[in-house]
């Protein structure tokens, strides 16, 4: 299992749209867009969990710097144990 950080998301991004995008590169286990406290307004970042690390690395490399719904994506691997983004 591999976690990917995805930043600079348009605020109207749906989790299903991200699942569809990342599914082009492999099996997606989960998609989560971070939301603000009690308002549940979406933030501009989220996380994707993919079943296979090699698929996650390929997806991140291809999608980083690509446009998605008019926004330039920032995509990197994420280590949840260290709570930080790392270069692929």
N, C-alpha and C. Protein backbone atom coordinates (compact mmCIF):
# COMPACT_ATOMS: atom_id res chain seq x y z
N UNK A 1 0.85 -1.17 0.00
CA UNK A 1 0.00 0.00 0.00
C UNK A 1 0.90 1.24 0.00
N UNK A 2 0.51 2.24 -0.77
CA UNK A 2 1.27 3.48 -0.85
C UNK A 2 0.31 4.66 -0.79
N UNK A 3 0.74 5.70 -0.07
CA UNK A 3 -0.07 6.90 0.07
C UNK A 3 0.53 8.02 -0.77
N UNK A 4 -0.33 8.76 -1.44
CA UNK A 4 0.08 9.87 -2.29
C UNK A 4 -0.59 11.13 -1.77
N UNK A 5 0.19 12.19 -1.65
CA UNK A 5 -0.32 13.52 -1.34
C UNK A 5 -0.64 14.19 -2.67
N UNK A 6 -1.80 14.84 -2.74
CA UNK A 6 -2.16 15.58 -3.94
C UNK A 6 -2.61 16.98 -3.52
N UNK A 7 -1.88 17.98 -3.98
CA UNK A 7 -2.14 19.35 -3.58
C UNK A 7 -2.55 20.23 -4.76
N UNK A 8 -3.00 21.41 -4.43
CA UNK A 8 -3.47 22.41 -5.37
C UNK A 8 -4.73 21.94 -6.10
N UNK A 9 -5.58 21.25 -5.39
CA UNK A 9 -6.84 20.79 -5.96
C UNK A 9 -7.83 21.94 -6.07
N UNK A 10 -8.60 21.98 -7.15
CA UNK A 10 -9.69 22.94 -7.20
C UNK A 10 -10.67 22.63 -6.06
N UNK A 11 -11.24 23.64 -5.45
CA UNK A 11 -12.09 23.43 -4.27
C UNK A 11 -13.37 22.68 -4.58
N UNK A 12 -13.74 22.59 -5.85
CA UNK A 12 -14.95 21.84 -6.20
C UNK A 12 -14.65 20.40 -6.65
N UNK A 13 -13.44 19.92 -6.39
CA UNK A 13 -13.05 18.57 -6.79
C UNK A 13 -13.83 17.53 -6.00
N UNK A 14 -14.36 16.55 -6.70
CA UNK A 14 -15.07 15.43 -6.07
C UNK A 14 -14.10 14.26 -5.91
N UNK A 15 -14.26 13.53 -4.82
CA UNK A 15 -13.41 12.38 -4.57
C UNK A 15 -13.53 11.34 -5.69
N UNK A 16 -14.72 11.20 -6.26
CA UNK A 16 -14.91 10.26 -7.37
C UNK A 16 -14.07 10.64 -8.59
N UNK A 17 -13.92 11.94 -8.83
CA UNK A 17 -13.12 12.39 -9.96
C UNK A 17 -11.65 12.03 -9.76
N UNK A 18 -11.16 12.18 -8.52
CA UNK A 18 -9.78 11.79 -8.24
C UNK A 18 -9.60 10.28 -8.35
N UNK A 19 -10.57 9.52 -7.87
CA UNK A 19 -10.51 8.06 -7.97
C UNK A 19 -10.42 7.64 -9.44
N UNK A 20 -11.23 8.26 -10.28
CA UNK A 20 -11.21 7.94 -11.70
C UNK A 20 -9.86 8.27 -12.32
N UNK A 21 -9.31 9.44 -11.98
CA UNK A 21 -8.02 9.85 -12.52
C UNK A 21 -6.92 8.88 -12.12
N UNK A 22 -6.81 8.57 -10.84
CA UNK A 22 -5.73 7.72 -10.36
C UNK A 22 -5.94 6.25 -10.72
N UNK A 23 -7.16 5.86 -10.96
CA UNK A 23 -7.44 4.48 -11.37
C UNK A 23 -6.86 4.15 -12.74
N UNK A 24 -6.54 5.16 -13.51
CA UNK A 24 -5.88 4.93 -14.79
C UNK A 24 -4.51 4.30 -14.60
N UNK A 25 -3.95 4.39 -13.39
CA UNK A 25 -2.59 3.93 -13.12
C UNK A 25 -2.53 2.70 -12.21
N UNK A 26 -3.66 2.28 -11.67
CA UNK A 26 -3.68 1.11 -10.79
C UNK A 26 -4.87 1.12 -9.86
N UNK A 27 -4.89 0.14 -8.96
CA UNK A 27 -6.00 -0.01 -8.01
C UNK A 27 -5.94 1.04 -6.91
N UNK A 28 -7.00 1.81 -6.78
CA UNK A 28 -7.10 2.84 -5.75
C UNK A 28 -7.88 2.27 -4.57
N UNK A 29 -7.27 2.29 -3.41
CA UNK A 29 -7.91 1.79 -2.19
C UNK A 29 -8.83 2.84 -1.56
N UNK A 30 -8.33 4.08 -1.49
CA UNK A 30 -9.14 5.14 -0.88
C UNK A 30 -8.73 6.51 -1.41
N UNK A 31 -9.68 7.43 -1.31
CA UNK A 31 -9.47 8.83 -1.71
C UNK A 31 -10.05 9.68 -0.59
N UNK A 32 -9.28 10.68 -0.17
CA UNK A 32 -9.75 11.54 0.90
C UNK A 32 -9.32 12.98 0.63
N UNK A 33 -10.29 13.86 0.48
CA UNK A 33 -10.01 15.29 0.37
C UNK A 33 -10.15 15.87 1.78
N UNK A 34 -9.14 16.60 2.22
CA UNK A 34 -9.14 17.16 3.57
C UNK A 34 -10.18 18.28 3.64
N UNK A 35 -10.92 18.30 4.74
CA UNK A 35 -11.99 19.29 4.93
C UNK A 35 -11.75 20.07 6.22
N UNK A 36 -12.29 21.29 6.27
CA UNK A 36 -12.09 22.19 7.40
C UNK A 36 -13.12 21.91 8.49
N UNK A 37 -12.64 21.56 9.67
CA UNK A 37 -13.45 21.40 10.88
C UNK A 37 -14.92 21.13 10.70
N UNK A 38 -15.74 21.90 11.40
CA UNK A 38 -17.19 21.67 11.43
C UNK A 38 -17.88 22.16 10.15
N UNK A 39 -17.22 23.01 9.37
CA UNK A 39 -17.86 23.51 8.15
C UNK A 39 -17.82 22.48 7.02
N UNK A 40 -16.87 21.57 7.11
CA UNK A 40 -16.66 20.54 6.09
C UNK A 40 -16.37 21.09 4.70
N UNK A 41 -15.93 22.36 4.66
CA UNK A 41 -15.51 22.94 3.38
C UNK A 41 -14.21 22.25 2.95
N UNK A 42 -14.10 21.92 1.67
CA UNK A 42 -12.90 21.23 1.22
C UNK A 42 -11.68 22.14 1.23
N UNK A 43 -10.54 21.55 1.57
CA UNK A 43 -9.26 22.24 1.44
C UNK A 43 -8.75 21.96 0.03
N UNK A 44 -7.59 22.45 -0.29
CA UNK A 44 -7.06 22.25 -1.63
C UNK A 44 -6.07 21.08 -1.71
N UNK A 45 -6.20 20.13 -0.79
CA UNK A 45 -5.31 18.97 -0.84
C UNK A 45 -6.03 17.73 -0.30
N UNK A 46 -5.43 16.59 -0.61
CA UNK A 46 -6.00 15.33 -0.15
C UNK A 46 -4.99 14.21 -0.28
N UNK A 47 -5.47 12.99 -0.08
CA UNK A 47 -4.60 11.82 -0.11
C UNK A 47 -5.26 10.69 -0.88
N UNK A 48 -4.44 9.96 -1.60
CA UNK A 48 -4.87 8.78 -2.36
C UNK A 48 -4.07 7.61 -1.81
N UNK A 49 -4.73 6.50 -1.57
CA UNK A 49 -4.02 5.27 -1.22
C UNK A 49 -4.18 4.30 -2.38
N UNK A 50 -3.05 3.81 -2.85
CA UNK A 50 -3.06 2.84 -3.95
C UNK A 50 -2.51 1.52 -3.45
N UNK A 51 -3.04 0.45 -4.00
CA UNK A 51 -2.67 -0.90 -3.55
C UNK A 51 -1.20 -1.21 -3.80
N UNK A 52 -0.70 -0.83 -4.98
CA UNK A 52 0.66 -1.19 -5.38
C UNK A 52 1.57 0.04 -5.39
N UNK A 53 2.70 -0.05 -4.72
CA UNK A 53 3.61 1.09 -4.64
C UNK A 53 4.13 1.51 -6.02
N UNK A 54 4.45 0.55 -6.86
CA UNK A 54 4.95 0.89 -8.20
C UNK A 54 3.90 1.67 -8.99
N UNK A 55 2.65 1.30 -8.87
CA UNK A 55 1.57 2.03 -9.54
C UNK A 55 1.46 3.45 -8.99
N UNK A 56 1.60 3.58 -7.67
CA UNK A 56 1.51 4.89 -7.02
C UNK A 56 2.64 5.81 -7.48
N UNK A 57 3.84 5.26 -7.56
CA UNK A 57 5.00 6.04 -8.00
C UNK A 57 4.79 6.50 -9.44
N UNK A 58 4.32 5.60 -10.29
CA UNK A 58 4.08 5.95 -11.70
C UNK A 58 2.99 7.03 -11.80
N UNK A 59 1.90 6.87 -11.06
CA UNK A 59 0.82 7.86 -11.09
C UNK A 59 1.32 9.22 -10.64
N UNK A 60 2.07 9.25 -9.55
CA UNK A 60 2.57 10.52 -9.02
C UNK A 60 3.53 11.19 -10.01
N UNK A 61 4.39 10.42 -10.62
CA UNK A 61 5.34 10.99 -11.58
C UNK A 61 4.64 11.56 -12.80
N UNK A 62 3.64 10.85 -13.28
CA UNK A 62 2.92 11.30 -14.48
C UNK A 62 2.03 12.49 -14.17
N UNK A 63 1.33 12.46 -13.04
CA UNK A 63 0.33 13.48 -12.74
C UNK A 63 0.88 14.75 -12.09
N UNK A 64 2.04 14.67 -11.48
CA UNK A 64 2.63 15.87 -10.88
C UNK A 64 2.90 16.90 -11.98
N UNK A 65 2.38 18.09 -11.79
CA UNK A 65 2.57 19.16 -12.76
C UNK A 65 1.58 19.15 -13.91
N UNK A 66 0.61 18.25 -13.87
CA UNK A 66 -0.42 18.19 -14.90
C UNK A 66 -1.63 19.02 -14.47
N UNK A 67 -2.37 19.50 -15.44
CA UNK A 67 -3.59 20.25 -15.14
C UNK A 67 -4.75 19.31 -14.89
N UNK A 68 -5.55 19.64 -13.88
CA UNK A 68 -6.75 18.89 -13.53
C UNK A 68 -7.82 19.91 -13.20
N UNK A 69 -8.84 19.98 -14.02
CA UNK A 69 -9.94 20.94 -13.84
C UNK A 69 -9.41 22.36 -13.71
N UNK A 70 -8.39 22.69 -14.51
CA UNK A 70 -7.85 24.04 -14.54
C UNK A 70 -6.77 24.36 -13.52
N UNK A 71 -6.41 23.41 -12.68
CA UNK A 71 -5.38 23.66 -11.66
C UNK A 71 -4.16 22.75 -11.90
N UNK A 72 -2.98 23.29 -11.67
CA UNK A 72 -1.74 22.54 -11.82
C UNK A 72 -1.52 21.71 -10.56
N UNK A 73 -1.57 20.39 -10.68
CA UNK A 73 -1.48 19.50 -9.52
C UNK A 73 -0.07 19.40 -8.96
N UNK A 74 0.00 19.24 -7.66
CA UNK A 74 1.24 18.94 -6.95
C UNK A 74 1.05 17.55 -6.34
N UNK A 75 1.78 16.55 -6.85
CA UNK A 75 1.58 15.17 -6.43
C UNK A 75 2.90 14.58 -5.98
N UNK A 76 2.92 14.03 -4.76
CA UNK A 76 4.13 13.41 -4.20
C UNK A 76 3.75 12.23 -3.32
N UNK A 77 4.72 11.36 -3.07
CA UNK A 77 4.46 10.28 -2.12
C UNK A 77 4.36 10.87 -0.72
N UNK A 78 3.68 10.16 0.15
CA UNK A 78 3.45 10.65 1.52
C UNK A 78 3.69 9.51 2.48
N UNK A 79 4.44 9.78 3.52
CA UNK A 79 4.69 8.78 4.55
C UNK A 79 3.83 9.12 5.77
N UNK A 80 2.71 8.40 5.98
CA UNK A 80 1.82 8.74 7.10
C UNK A 80 2.47 8.57 8.47
N UNK A 81 3.47 7.70 8.57
CA UNK A 81 4.16 7.51 9.85
C UNK A 81 5.01 8.74 10.20
N UNK A 82 5.58 9.36 9.19
CA UNK A 82 6.42 10.54 9.41
C UNK A 82 5.66 11.83 9.20
N UNK A 83 4.43 11.70 8.66
CA UNK A 83 3.58 12.85 8.36
C UNK A 83 4.29 13.88 7.52
N UNK A 84 4.91 13.39 6.45
CA UNK A 84 5.56 14.33 5.55
C UNK A 84 5.55 13.79 4.13
N UNK A 85 5.68 14.72 3.24
CA UNK A 85 5.73 14.44 1.81
C UNK A 85 7.18 14.17 1.46
N UNK A 86 7.41 13.24 0.56
CA UNK A 86 8.77 12.97 0.11
C UNK A 86 8.82 12.88 -1.39
N UNK A 87 9.96 13.19 -1.96
CA UNK A 87 10.13 13.10 -3.41
C UNK A 87 10.13 11.65 -3.84
N UNK A 88 9.63 11.40 -5.03
CA UNK A 88 9.59 10.04 -5.56
C UNK A 88 10.87 9.72 -6.28
